[in-house]
Amino acid sequence: MRRLNKQTVVVACAAALIAVALSTAADTPEGRSRFYVTAAGSELVQQGLASPLPSGQEKAGFQAVPAPGVRFQANVAQATTSPWVDSNAWRFQRGMRKADYSKLAAGAAPLAAAEAFTYHADAILNPDPADVPELAKMLGFLKALDQPALPAMANIGIVDDGSPVMGEVLNMLTRRNLLYRVVAKPDPKLDLSVRLGDRDFPKESANNPSDFAAVVRGKLGDDKRFVRLYGSNTAIAYLTGDGKRARLSVLSYSRNRSQAGLRVRVLGRYSPAKFAAYGVAPDGGLADIENPENATEFSVPAFNTIAVIDLEAAK
């Protein structure tokens, strides 16, 4: 019976992967997100900001994901609470390209749209009716920033065994802004390869994903990190680029989605080419731009939910 269950799981997983691959519609340019809404967001369809809810085989290609946000949990070491970020970024990093946000509490829909957009995933959004006007603004904002995706920038290779434990590890690495790429085998071109069971990463060490992420960070070294964020423990960064230009997206998962006092360090010498952030006036911009050694640092004005910084390699 156990063998039959394993075979069933393998077949089901293979079928799901095939369905996902087949459902990547050719009418959506590669690397661009497409948004679908339930009846609650029908006016967004009329405004040309989203498409009607898909059906049949097309809808079957979407995978259910939880609403993004933040929870505050008791800290056993201190008489305080600490934020726990609920992000689907690691699922997208693992290869998911079609997400079904079917259960979105009030206030979550704009962040869900920004999250899917950042990781170039198609998304079904079921917004709370009260969120529809704000979601319309967010979708309009994202539409103005849409462009073909640049390659993801990462210098950590994670050999994913598909286990739930590895999923927790990927989640924690994402939350710590350790930029990684899921690989089938160690890649010598990357600065660090992580495979459970290797001498530096015994399987039991992954039982505590937070400690495991700290070990990965130590092995890589902060000087080699592509992105470092200062002033927030609820912001997640995603960096893409091709050597000549780069795009840094920062998502804020804070309780009210606002983010202030953020300082960013990007590895490599760049010049900011364009800045756009939700909730920031068009004339708002980056401040205190510096190029210490082989890095670029700048301060981001207070924003809500998402900030996008386009960079050009310094000559």
C-alpha atoms as a PDB file:
ATOM      1  CA  MET A   1       0.000   0.000   0.000  1.00  0.00           C
ATOM      2  CA  ARG A   2       2.848   2.369   0.781  1.00  0.00           C
ATOM      3  CA  ARG A   3       4.380   1.813  -2.656  1.00  0.00           C
ATOM      4  CA  LEU A   4       1.052   2.532  -4.331  1.00  0.00           C
ATOM      5  CA  ASN A   5       0.683   5.794  -2.372  1.00  0.00           C
ATOM      6  CA  LYS A   6       4.127   6.954  -3.460  1.00  0.00           C
ATOM      7  CA  GLN A   7       3.381   6.186  -7.074  1.00  0.00           C
ATOM      8  CA  THR A   8       0.097   8.027  -6.797  1.00  0.00           C
ATOM      9  CA  VAL A   9       1.857  11.050  -5.346  1.00  0.00           C
ATOM     10  CA  VAL A  10       4.482  11.002  -8.103  1.00  0.00           C
ATOM     11  CA  VAL A  11       1.855  10.763 -10.827  1.00  0.00           C
ATOM     12  CA  ALA A  12      -0.216  13.520  -9.249  1.00  0.00           C
ATOM     13  CA  CYS A  13       2.800  15.798  -8.933  1.00  0.00           C
ATOM     14  CA  ALA A  14       3.829  15.138 -12.530  1.00  0.00           C
ATOM     15  CA  ALA A  15       0.308  15.851 -13.725  1.00  0.00           C
ATOM     16  CA  ALA A  16       0.220  19.091 -11.748  1.00  0.00           C
ATOM     17  CA  LEU A  17       3.539  20.225 -13.203  1.00  0.00           C
ATOM     18  CA  ILE A  18       2.374  19.418 -16.731  1.00  0.00           C
ATOM     19  CA  ALA A  19      -0.878  21.285 -16.145  1.00  0.00           C
ATOM     20  CA  VAL A  20       1.006  24.310 -14.877  1.00  0.00           C
ATOM     21  CA  ALA A  21       3.337  24.257 -17.877  1.00  0.00           C
ATOM     22  CA  LEU A  22       0.495  23.886 -20.363  1.00  0.00           C
ATOM     23  CA  SER A  23      -1.504  26.640 -18.712  1.00  0.00           C
ATOM     24  CA  THR A  24       1.219  29.237 -19.229  1.00  0.00           C
ATOM     25  CA  ALA A  25      -0.705  31.015 -21.942  1.00  0.00           C
ATOM     26  CA  ALA A  26       1.148  32.148 -25.045  1.00  0.00           C
ATOM     27  CA  ASP A  27      -0.950  35.310 -25.109  1.00  0.00           C
ATOM     28  CA  THR A  28       0.904  36.566 -22.030  1.00  0.00           C
ATOM     29  CA  PRO A  29       4.497  37.679 -22.816  1.00  0.00           C
ATOM     30  CA  GLU A  30       7.121  35.700 -20.932  1.00  0.00           C
ATOM     31  CA  GLY A  31       7.871  37.131 -17.517  1.00  0.00           C
ATOM     32  CA  ARG A  32       4.746  39.267 -17.306  1.00  0.00           C
ATOM     33  CA  SER A  33       1.903  38.777 -14.865  1.00  0.00           C
ATOM     34  CA  ARG A  34      -1.737  38.444 -15.748  1.00  0.00           C
ATOM     35  CA  PHE A  35      -4.439  39.110 -13.185  1.00  0.00           C
ATOM     36  CA  TYR A  36      -7.837  37.459 -12.969  1.00  0.00           C
ATOM     37  CA  VAL A  37     -10.587  38.435 -10.547  1.00  0.00           C
ATOM     38  CA  THR A  38     -13.678  36.825  -9.129  1.00  0.00           C
ATOM     39  CA  ALA A  39     -17.108  38.422  -9.371  1.00  0.00           C
ATOM     40  CA  ALA A  40     -16.198  40.625  -6.408  1.00  0.00           C
ATOM     41  CA  GLY A  41     -13.796  42.506  -8.671  1.00  0.00           C
ATOM     42  CA  SER A  42     -15.913  42.584 -11.829  1.00  0.00           C
ATOM     43  CA  GLU A  43     -15.537  46.346 -12.177  1.00  0.00           C
ATOM     44  CA  LEU A  44     -11.768  45.825 -12.574  1.00  0.00           C
ATOM     45  CA  VAL A  45     -12.499  43.799 -15.696  1.00  0.00           C
ATOM     46  CA  GLN A  46     -14.615  46.628 -17.041  1.00  0.00           C
ATOM     47  CA  GLN A  47     -11.730  49.021 -16.379  1.00  0.00           C
ATOM     48  CA  GLY A  48      -9.329  46.821 -18.334  1.00  0.00           C
ATOM     49  CA  LEU A  49      -7.176  46.120 -15.266  1.00  0.00           C
ATOM     50  CA  ALA A  50      -7.920  42.399 -14.945  1.00  0.00           C
ATOM     51  CA  SER A  51      -9.471  39.468 -16.765  1.00  0.00           C
ATOM     52  CA  PRO A  52     -12.545  37.454 -15.774  1.00  0.00           C
ATOM     53  CA  LEU A  53     -12.074  34.380 -13.623  1.00  0.00           C
ATOM     54  CA  PRO A  54     -10.822  31.493 -15.794  1.00  0.00           C
ATOM     55  CA  SER A  55     -12.641  28.183 -15.868  1.00  0.00           C
ATOM     56  CA  GLY A  56     -12.096  24.538 -16.683  1.00  0.00           C
ATOM     57  CA  GLN A  57      -8.589  23.350 -17.478  1.00  0.00           C
ATOM     58  CA  GLU A  58      -7.208  26.885 -17.420  1.00  0.00           C
ATOM     59  CA  LYS A  59      -8.339  27.426 -13.835  1.00  0.00           C
ATOM     60  CA  ALA A  60      -7.099  23.967 -12.838  1.00  0.00           C
ATOM     61  CA  GLY A  61      -3.568  25.126 -13.579  1.00  0.00           C
ATOM     62  CA  PHE A  62      -3.674  27.584 -10.661  1.00  0.00           C
ATOM     63  CA  GLN A  63      -2.460  26.522  -7.219  1.00  0.00           C
ATOM     64  CA  ALA A  64      -4.071  27.804  -4.028  1.00  0.00           C
ATOM     65  CA  VAL A  65      -1.838  30.044  -1.920  1.00  0.00           C
ATOM     66  CA  PRO A  66      -2.460  31.764   1.421  1.00  0.00           C
ATOM     67  CA  ALA A  67      -2.988  35.487   1.760  1.00  0.00           C
ATOM     68  CA  PRO A  68       0.245  37.455   2.233  1.00  0.00           C
ATOM     69  CA  GLY A  69       0.728  39.582   5.318  1.00  0.00           C
ATOM     70  CA  VAL A  70       2.261  39.557   8.765  1.00  0.00           C
ATOM     71  CA  ARG A  71       1.385  37.936  12.071  1.00  0.00           C
ATOM     72  CA  PHE A  72       2.741  38.824  15.475  1.00  0.00           C
ATOM     73  CA  GLN A  73       3.767  35.899  17.644  1.00  0.00           C
ATOM     74  CA  ALA A  74       4.905  35.741  21.230  1.00  0.00           C
ATOM     75  CA  ASN A  75       8.673  35.676  21.638  1.00  0.00           C
ATOM     76  CA  VAL A  76       9.634  32.998  24.151  1.00  0.00           C
ATOM     77  CA  ALA A  77      12.941  34.696  24.862  1.00  0.00           C
ATOM     78  CA  GLN A  78      11.496  38.134  25.566  1.00  0.00           C
ATOM     79  CA  ALA A  79       8.254  39.647  26.836  1.00  0.00           C
ATOM     80  CA  THR A  80       7.487  40.950  23.346  1.00  0.00           C
ATOM     81  CA  THR A  81       5.965  39.823  20.097  1.00  0.00           C
ATOM     82  CA  SER A  82       7.912  39.366  16.882  1.00  0.00           C
ATOM     83  CA  PRO A  83       6.576  39.641  13.319  1.00  0.00           C
ATOM     84  CA  TRP A  84       6.147  36.523  11.227  1.00  0.00           C
ATOM     85  CA  VAL A  85       5.949  37.331   7.530  1.00  0.00           C
ATOM     86  CA  ASP A  86       3.519  35.258   5.471  1.00  0.00           C
ATOM     87  CA  SER A  87       4.934  35.485   1.965  1.00  0.00           C
ATOM     88  CA  ASN A  88       4.473  33.316  -1.105  1.00  0.00           C
ATOM     89  CA  ALA A  89       7.794  34.455  -2.566  1.00  0.00           C
ATOM     90  CA  TRP A  90       9.444  31.104  -1.829  1.00  0.00           C
ATOM     91  CA  ARG A  91       6.694  29.290  -3.698  1.00  0.00           C
ATOM     92  CA  PHE A  92       7.368  31.424  -6.758  1.00  0.00           C
ATOM     93  CA  GLN A  93      11.100  30.863  -6.320  1.00  0.00           C
ATOM     94  CA  ARG A  94      10.345  27.142  -6.295  1.00  0.00           C
ATOM     95  CA  GLY A  95       8.708  27.432  -9.699  1.00  0.00           C
ATOM     96  CA  MET A  96       5.032  28.244  -9.130  1.00  0.00           C
ATOM     97  CA  ARG A  97       3.773  30.504 -11.905  1.00  0.00           C
ATOM     98  CA  LYS A  98       0.000  30.485 -11.363  1.00  0.00           C
ATOM     99  CA  ALA A  99      -1.333  31.425  -7.929  1.00  0.00           C
ATOM    100  CA  ASP A 100      -4.913  31.357  -6.699  1.00  0.00           C
ATOM    101  CA  TYR A 101      -5.413  33.879  -3.893  1.00  0.00           C
ATOM    102  CA  SER A 102      -8.909  32.613  -3.175  1.00  0.00           C
ATOM    103  CA  LYS A 103      -9.091  33.678   0.477  1.00  0.00           C
ATOM    104  CA  LEU A 104      -8.078  37.304   0.862  1.00  0.00           C
ATOM    105  CA  ALA A 105      -9.062  39.141   4.002  1.00  0.00           C
ATOM    106  CA  ALA A 106      -9.731  42.859   3.883  1.00  0.00           C
ATOM    107  CA  GLY A 107      -6.537  44.737   3.115  1.00  0.00           C
ATOM    108  CA  ALA A 108      -4.683  41.804   1.549  1.00  0.00           C
ATOM    109  CA  ALA A 109      -5.580  42.068  -2.146  1.00  0.00           C
ATOM    110  CA  PRO A 110      -3.218  44.941  -3.131  1.00  0.00           C
ATOM    111  CA  LEU A 111      -0.253  43.144  -1.519  1.00  0.00           C
ATOM    112  CA  ALA A 112      -1.211  39.876  -3.223  1.00  0.00           C
ATOM    113  CA  ALA A 113      -1.206  41.640  -6.590  1.00  0.00           C
ATOM    114  CA  ALA A 114       2.162  43.277  -5.882  1.00  0.00           C
ATOM    115  CA  GLU A 115       3.638  39.952  -4.735  1.00  0.00           C
ATOM    116  CA  ALA A 116       2.552  38.093  -7.872  1.00  0.00           C
ATOM    117  CA  PHE A 117       3.737  40.943 -10.087  1.00  0.00           C
ATOM    118  CA  THR A 118       7.175  41.013  -8.472  1.00  0.00           C
ATOM    119  CA  TYR A 119       7.751  37.314  -9.124  1.00  0.00           C
ATOM    120  CA  HIS A 120       6.177  37.352 -12.605  1.00  0.00           C
ATOM    121  CA  ALA A 121       3.313  35.026 -11.707  1.00  0.00           C
ATOM    122  CA  ASP A 122      -0.260  34.991 -12.956  1.00  0.00           C
ATOM    123  CA  ALA A 123      -2.772  35.406 -10.144  1.00  0.00           C
ATOM    124  CA  ILE A 124      -6.429  34.884  -9.382  1.00  0.00           C
ATOM    125  CA  LEU A 125      -7.548  37.529  -6.897  1.00  0.00           C
ATOM    126  CA  ASN A 126     -10.697  37.270  -4.811  1.00  0.00           C
ATOM    127  CA  PRO A 127     -10.726  40.698  -3.150  1.00  0.00           C
ATOM    128  CA  ASP A 128     -12.819  41.819  -0.242  1.00  0.00           C
ATOM    129  CA  PRO A 129     -15.349  44.244  -1.764  1.00  0.00           C
ATOM    130  CA  ALA A 130     -13.926  47.042   0.380  1.00  0.00           C
ATOM    131  CA  ASP A 131     -10.510  46.517  -1.270  1.00  0.00           C
ATOM    132  CA  VAL A 132     -11.652  46.880  -4.868  1.00  0.00           C
ATOM    133  CA  PRO A 133     -10.967  50.643  -5.206  1.00  0.00           C
ATOM    134  CA  GLU A 134      -7.477  50.259  -3.711  1.00  0.00           C
ATOM    135  CA  LEU A 135      -6.797  47.167  -5.792  1.00  0.00           C
ATOM    136  CA  ALA A 136      -7.726  49.155  -8.894  1.00  0.00           C
ATOM    137  CA  LYS A 137      -5.107  51.753  -7.985  1.00  0.00           C
ATOM    138  CA  MET A 138      -2.504  49.052  -7.355  1.00  0.00           C
ATOM    139  CA  LEU A 139      -3.175  47.272 -10.641  1.00  0.00           C
ATOM    140  CA  GLY A 140      -2.920  50.577 -12.484  1.00  0.00           C
ATOM    141  CA  PHE A 141       0.379  51.281 -10.735  1.00  0.00           C
ATOM    142  CA  LEU A 142       1.769  47.853 -11.605  1.00  0.00           C
ATOM    143  CA  LYS A 143       0.596  48.098 -15.205  1.00  0.00           C
ATOM    144  CA  ALA A 144       2.691  51.233 -15.668  1.00  0.00           C
ATOM    145  CA  LEU A 145       5.782  49.333 -14.471  1.00  0.00           C
ATOM    146  CA  ASP A 146       5.250  46.205 -16.543  1.00  0.00           C
ATOM    147  CA  GLN A 147       8.170  45.066 -18.677  1.00  0.00           C
ATOM    148  CA  PRO A 148       9.710  41.775 -19.859  1.00  0.00           C
ATOM    149  CA  ALA A 149      11.385  40.018 -16.969  1.00  0.00           C
ATOM    150  CA  LEU A 150      15.124  40.220 -16.469  1.00  0.00           C
ATOM    151  CA  PRO A 151      16.992  37.131 -15.181  1.00  0.00           C
ATOM    152  CA  ALA A 152      16.825  36.623 -11.429  1.00  0.00           C
ATOM    153  CA  MET A 153      20.085  37.531  -9.714  1.00  0.00           C
ATOM    154  CA  ALA A 154      21.297  35.037  -7.129  1.00  0.00           C
ATOM    155  CA  ASN A 155      24.588  33.631  -5.918  1.00  0.00           C
ATOM    156  CA  ILE A 156      23.266  30.830  -3.710  1.00  0.00           C
ATOM    157  CA  GLY A 157      22.176  27.571  -5.291  1.00  0.00           C
ATOM    158  CA  ILE A 158      19.655  25.478  -3.346  1.00  0.00           C
ATOM    159  CA  VAL A 159      19.255  21.831  -4.323  1.00  0.00           C
ATOM    160  CA  ASP A 160      15.557  21.333  -3.640  1.00  0.00           C
ATOM    161  CA  ASP A 161      14.497  17.832  -2.631  1.00  0.00           C
ATOM    162  CA  GLY A 162      10.829  18.847  -2.702  1.00  0.00           C
ATOM    163  CA  SER A 163      10.291  18.151   0.988  1.00  0.00           C
ATOM    164  CA  PRO A 164       8.194  20.311   3.342  1.00  0.00           C
ATOM    165  CA  VAL A 165      11.345  20.911   5.389  1.00  0.00           C
ATOM    166  CA  MET A 166      13.091  22.364   2.343  1.00  0.00           C
ATOM    167  CA  GLY A 167      10.050  24.537   1.731  1.00  0.00           C
ATOM    168  CA  GLU A 168      10.471  26.023   5.209  1.00  0.00           C
ATOM    169  CA  VAL A 169      14.169  26.571   4.502  1.00  0.00           C
ATOM    170  CA  LEU A 170      13.399  28.407   1.247  1.00  0.00           C
ATOM    171  CA  ASN A 171      10.800  30.497   3.073  1.00  0.00           C
ATOM    172  CA  MET A 172      13.308  31.552   5.718  1.00  0.00           C
ATOM    173  CA  LEU A 173      16.066  32.306   3.196  1.00  0.00           C
ATOM    174  CA  THR A 174      13.614  34.527   1.319  1.00  0.00           C
ATOM    175  CA  ARG A 175      12.587  36.347   4.483  1.00  0.00           C
ATOM    176  CA  ARG A 176      16.259  36.945   5.308  1.00  0.00           C
ATOM    177  CA  ASN A 177      16.836  38.388   1.834  1.00  0.00           C
ATOM    178  CA  LEU A 178      19.421  35.759   0.937  1.00  0.00           C
ATOM    179  CA  LEU A 179      19.010  35.617  -2.832  1.00  0.00           C
ATOM    180  CA  TYR A 180      19.043  32.040  -4.084  1.00  0.00           C
ATOM    181  CA  ARG A 181      18.232  29.957  -7.127  1.00  0.00           C
ATOM    182  CA  VAL A 182      16.673  26.500  -6.991  1.00  0.00           C
ATOM    183  CA  VAL A 183      18.958  24.095  -8.884  1.00  0.00           C
ATOM    184  CA  ALA A 184      18.947  20.394  -9.736  1.00  0.00           C
ATOM    185  CA  LYS A 185      22.565  19.949  -8.654  1.00  0.00           C
ATOM    186  CA  PRO A 186      25.325  22.136  -7.184  1.00  0.00           C
ATOM    187  CA  ASP A 187      26.373  24.876  -9.597  1.00  0.00           C
ATOM    188  CA  PRO A 188      30.101  25.754  -9.414  1.00  0.00           C
ATOM    189  CA  LYS A 189      29.364  29.146 -10.973  1.00  0.00           C
ATOM    190  CA  LEU A 190      27.519  30.252  -7.829  1.00  0.00           C
ATOM    191  CA  ASP A 191      29.287  31.463  -4.708  1.00  0.00           C
ATOM    192  CA  LEU A 192      27.573  28.897  -2.486  1.00  0.00           C
ATOM    193  CA  SER A 193      25.759  25.614  -3.075  1.00  0.00           C
ATOM    194  CA  VAL A 194      23.421  24.197  -0.440  1.00  0.00           C
ATOM    195  CA  ARG A 195      22.343  20.560  -0.448  1.00  0.00           C
ATOM    196  CA  LEU A 196      20.883  18.813   2.564  1.00  0.00           C
ATOM    197  CA  GLY A 197      23.042  15.885   3.546  1.00  0.00           C
ATOM    198  CA  ASP A 198      26.335  17.491   2.562  1.00  0.00           C
ATOM    199  CA  ARG A 199      28.995  17.914   5.232  1.00  0.00           C
ATOM    200  CA  ASP A 200      28.294  21.617   5.753  1.00  0.00           C
ATOM    201  CA  PHE A 201      24.512  21.139   5.727  1.00  0.00           C
ATOM    202  CA  PRO A 202      23.491  17.926   7.520  1.00  0.00           C
ATOM    203  CA  LYS A 203      19.811  17.056   7.150  1.00  0.00           C
ATOM    204  CA  GLU A 204      19.024  17.508  10.827  1.00  0.00           C
ATOM    205  CA  SER A 205      20.291  21.116  10.698  1.00  0.00           C
ATOM    206  CA  ALA A 206      17.229  22.044   8.609  1.00  0.00           C
ATOM    207  CA  ASN A 207      14.915  21.194  11.493  1.00  0.00           C
ATOM    208  CA  ASN A 208      15.391  24.783  12.651  1.00  0.00           C
ATOM    209  CA  PRO A 209      15.015  26.839   9.432  1.00  0.00           C
ATOM    210  CA  SER A 210      15.953  30.086  11.179  1.00  0.00           C
ATOM    211  CA  ASP A 211      19.277  28.692  12.400  1.00  0.00           C
ATOM    212  CA  PHE A 212      19.830  27.057   9.029  1.00  0.00           C
ATOM    213  CA  ALA A 213      19.400  30.414   7.269  1.00  0.00           C
ATOM    214  CA  ALA A 214      21.960  31.906   9.665  1.00  0.00           C
ATOM    215  CA  VAL A 215      24.430  29.166   8.702  1.00  0.00           C
ATOM    216  CA  VAL A 216      23.854  29.843   5.000  1.00  0.00           C
ATOM    217  CA  ARG A 217      24.406  33.540   5.568  1.00  0.00           C
ATOM    218  CA  GLY A 218      27.624  32.828   7.447  1.00  0.00           C
ATOM    219  CA  LYS A 219      28.916  30.519   4.710  1.00  0.00           C
ATOM    220  CA  LEU A 220      28.195  33.100   2.016  1.00  0.00           C
ATOM    221  CA  GLY A 221      29.440  36.136   3.939  1.00  0.00           C
ATOM    222  CA  ASP A 222      27.676  39.480   4.048  1.00  0.00           C
ATOM    223  CA  ASP A 223      30.139  41.053   1.611  1.00  0.00           C
ATOM    224  CA  LYS A 224      28.827  38.749  -1.115  1.00  0.00           C
ATOM    225  CA  ARG A 225      25.132  39.315  -0.496  1.00  0.00           C
ATOM    226  CA  PHE A 226      23.474  40.861  -3.544  1.00  0.00           C
ATOM    227  CA  VAL A 227      20.992  42.867  -1.463  1.00  0.00           C
ATOM    228  CA  ARG A 228      20.953  43.991   2.145  1.00  0.00           C
ATOM    229  CA  LEU A 229      18.058  45.899   3.713  1.00  0.00           C
ATOM    230  CA  TYR A 230      18.481  48.015   6.832  1.00  0.00           C
ATOM    231  CA  GLY A 231      15.640  49.361   8.940  1.00  0.00           C
ATOM    232  CA  SER A 232      13.023  46.655   8.413  1.00  0.00           C
ATOM    233  CA  ASN A 233      12.314  43.045   9.338  1.00  0.00           C
ATOM    234  CA  THR A 234       9.116  42.847   7.307  1.00  0.00           C
ATOM    235  CA  ALA A 235      10.438  43.794   3.843  1.00  0.00           C
ATOM    236  CA  ILE A 236      11.466  41.303   1.158  1.00  0.00           C
ATOM    237  CA  ALA A 237      13.712  42.169  -1.787  1.00  0.00           C
ATOM    238  CA  TYR A 238      13.896  40.605  -5.238  1.00  0.00           C
ATOM    239  CA  LEU A 239      16.652  41.510  -7.695  1.00  0.00           C
ATOM    240  CA  THR A 240      16.788  40.845 -11.431  1.00  0.00           C
ATOM    241  CA  GLY A 241      19.364  41.995 -13.957  1.00  0.00           C
ATOM    242  CA  ASP A 242      21.475  41.254 -17.018  1.00  0.00           C
ATOM    243  CA  GLY A 243      24.761  42.954 -16.178  1.00  0.00           C
ATOM    244  CA  LYS A 244      23.828  46.243 -17.815  1.00  0.00           C
ATOM    245  CA  ARG A 245      20.661  47.009 -15.903  1.00  0.00           C
ATOM    246  CA  ALA A 246      18.871  45.708 -12.862  1.00  0.00           C
ATOM    247  CA  ARG A 247      15.490  45.986 -11.201  1.00  0.00           C
ATOM    248  CA  LEU A 248      15.140  45.839  -7.438  1.00  0.00           C
ATOM    249  CA  SER A 249      11.652  45.271  -6.070  1.00  0.00           C
ATOM    250  CA  VAL A 250      10.933  45.639  -2.359  1.00  0.00           C
ATOM    251  CA  LEU A 251       7.695  44.332  -0.869  1.00  0.00           C
ATOM    252  CA  SER A 252       6.458  45.556   2.501  1.00  0.00           C
ATOM    253  CA  TYR A 253       4.555  42.984   4.557  1.00  0.00           C
ATOM    254  CA  SER A 254       4.106  45.235   7.584  1.00  0.00           C
ATOM    255  CA  ARG A 255       0.717  45.326   9.271  1.00  0.00           C
ATOM    256  CA  ASN A 256      -0.377  48.504   7.492  1.00  0.00           C
ATOM    257  CA  ARG A 257       1.935  47.837   4.495  1.00  0.00           C
ATOM    258  CA  SER A 258       3.812  51.069   5.145  1.00  0.00           C
ATOM    259  CA  GLN A 259       7.595  51.139   5.117  1.00  0.00           C
ATOM    260  CA  ALA A 260       9.752  54.031   6.297  1.00  0.00           C
ATOM    261  CA  GLY A 261      13.424  54.466   7.118  1.00  0.00           C
ATOM    262  CA  LEU A 262      14.644  51.819   4.662  1.00  0.00           C
ATOM    263  CA  ARG A 263      18.294  51.840   3.637  1.00  0.00           C
ATOM    264  CA  VAL A 264      19.382  49.537   0.794  1.00  0.00           C
ATOM    265  CA  ARG A 265      22.749  48.146  -0.227  1.00  0.00           C
ATOM    266  CA  VAL A 266      23.081  46.448  -3.633  1.00  0.00           C
ATOM    267  CA  LEU A 267      26.240  44.637  -4.642  1.00  0.00           C
ATOM    268  CA  GLY A 268      27.739  46.290  -7.730  1.00  0.00           C
ATOM    269  CA  ARG A 269      28.122  49.875  -8.855  1.00  0.00           C
ATOM    270  CA  TYR A 270      24.905  51.252 -10.282  1.00  0.00           C
ATOM    271  CA  SER A 271      23.196  54.527 -11.031  1.00  0.00           C
ATOM    272  CA  PRO A 272      19.452  54.789 -10.321  1.00  0.00           C
ATOM    273  CA  ALA A 273      17.544  55.143 -13.589  1.00  0.00           C
ATOM    274  CA  LYS A 274      13.949  55.121 -12.376  1.00  0.00           C
ATOM    275  CA  PHE A 275      12.133  54.950  -9.075  1.00  0.00           C
ATOM    276  CA  ALA A 276       8.480  54.225  -8.445  1.00  0.00           C
ATOM    277  CA  ALA A 277       6.789  53.358  -5.180  1.00  0.00           C
ATOM    278  CA  TYR A 278       3.160  52.967  -4.276  1.00  0.00           C
ATOM    279  CA  GLY A 279       1.994  55.839  -2.131  1.00  0.00           C
ATOM    280  CA  VAL A 280       4.916  58.087  -3.087  1.00  0.00           C
ATOM    281  CA  ALA A 281       4.432  61.281  -5.056  1.00  0.00           C
ATOM    282  CA  PRO A 282       5.822  61.243  -8.619  1.00  0.00           C
ATOM    283  CA  ASP A 283       8.517  63.718  -7.620  1.00  0.00           C
ATOM    284  CA  GLY A 284       9.657  61.492  -4.738  1.00  0.00           C
ATOM    285  CA  GLY A 285      13.027  59.857  -5.141  1.00  0.00           C
ATOM    286  CA  LEU A 286      15.931  58.049  -3.583  1.00  0.00           C
ATOM    287  CA  ALA A 287      18.218  59.904  -1.201  1.00  0.00           C
ATOM    288  CA  ASP A 288      21.828  59.703  -0.014  1.00  0.00           C
ATOM    289  CA  ILE A 289      23.012  57.672  -3.010  1.00  0.00           C
ATOM    290  CA  GLU A 290      26.551  56.392  -2.522  1.00  0.00           C
ATOM    291  CA  ASN A 291      28.929  53.930  -4.156  1.00  0.00           C
ATOM    292  CA  PRO A 292      31.159  52.575  -1.388  1.00  0.00           C
ATOM    293  CA  GLU A 293      33.658  50.126  -2.868  1.00  0.00           C
ATOM    294  CA  ASN A 294      31.840  47.703  -5.209  1.00  0.00           C
ATOM    295  CA  ALA A 295      28.348  48.511  -3.969  1.00  0.00           C
ATOM    296  CA  THR A 296      25.483  50.959  -4.291  1.00  0.00           C
ATOM    297  CA  GLU A 297      23.638  52.344  -1.294  1.00  0.00           C
ATOM    298  CA  PHE A 298      20.577  54.567  -1.076  1.00  0.00           C
ATOM    299  CA  SER A 299      17.669  55.479   1.187  1.00  0.00           C
ATOM    300  CA  VAL A 300      14.101  54.845   0.053  1.00  0.00           C
ATOM    301  CA  PRO A 301      11.365  57.332   0.956  1.00  0.00           C
ATOM    302  CA  ALA A 302       8.404  56.065   2.946  1.00  0.00           C
ATOM    303  CA  PHE A 303       6.142  53.960   0.728  1.00  0.00           C
ATOM    304  CA  ASN A 304       3.274  51.524   0.894  1.00  0.00           C
ATOM    305  CA  THR A 305       3.341  47.860  -0.206  1.00  0.00           C
ATOM    306  CA  ILE A 306       5.877  47.991  -3.051  1.00  0.00           C
ATOM    307  CA  ALA A 307       8.832  50.006  -4.299  1.00  0.00           C
ATOM    308  CA  VAL A 308      10.586  49.377  -7.616  1.00  0.00           C
ATOM    309  CA  ILE A 309      14.042  50.732  -8.382  1.00  0.00           C
ATOM    310  CA  ASP A 310      15.508  50.415 -11.872  1.00  0.00           C
ATOM    311  CA  LEU A 311      19.297  50.608 -11.953  1.00  0.00           C
ATOM    312  CA  GLU A 312      21.904  51.011 -14.686  1.00  0.00           C
ATOM    313  CA  ALA A 313      25.436  49.682 -14.368  1.00  0.00           C
ATOM    314  CA  ALA A 314      27.858  52.537 -13.696  1.00  0.00           C
ATOM    315  CA  LYS A 315      30.371  53.142 -16.481  1.00  0.00           C
END
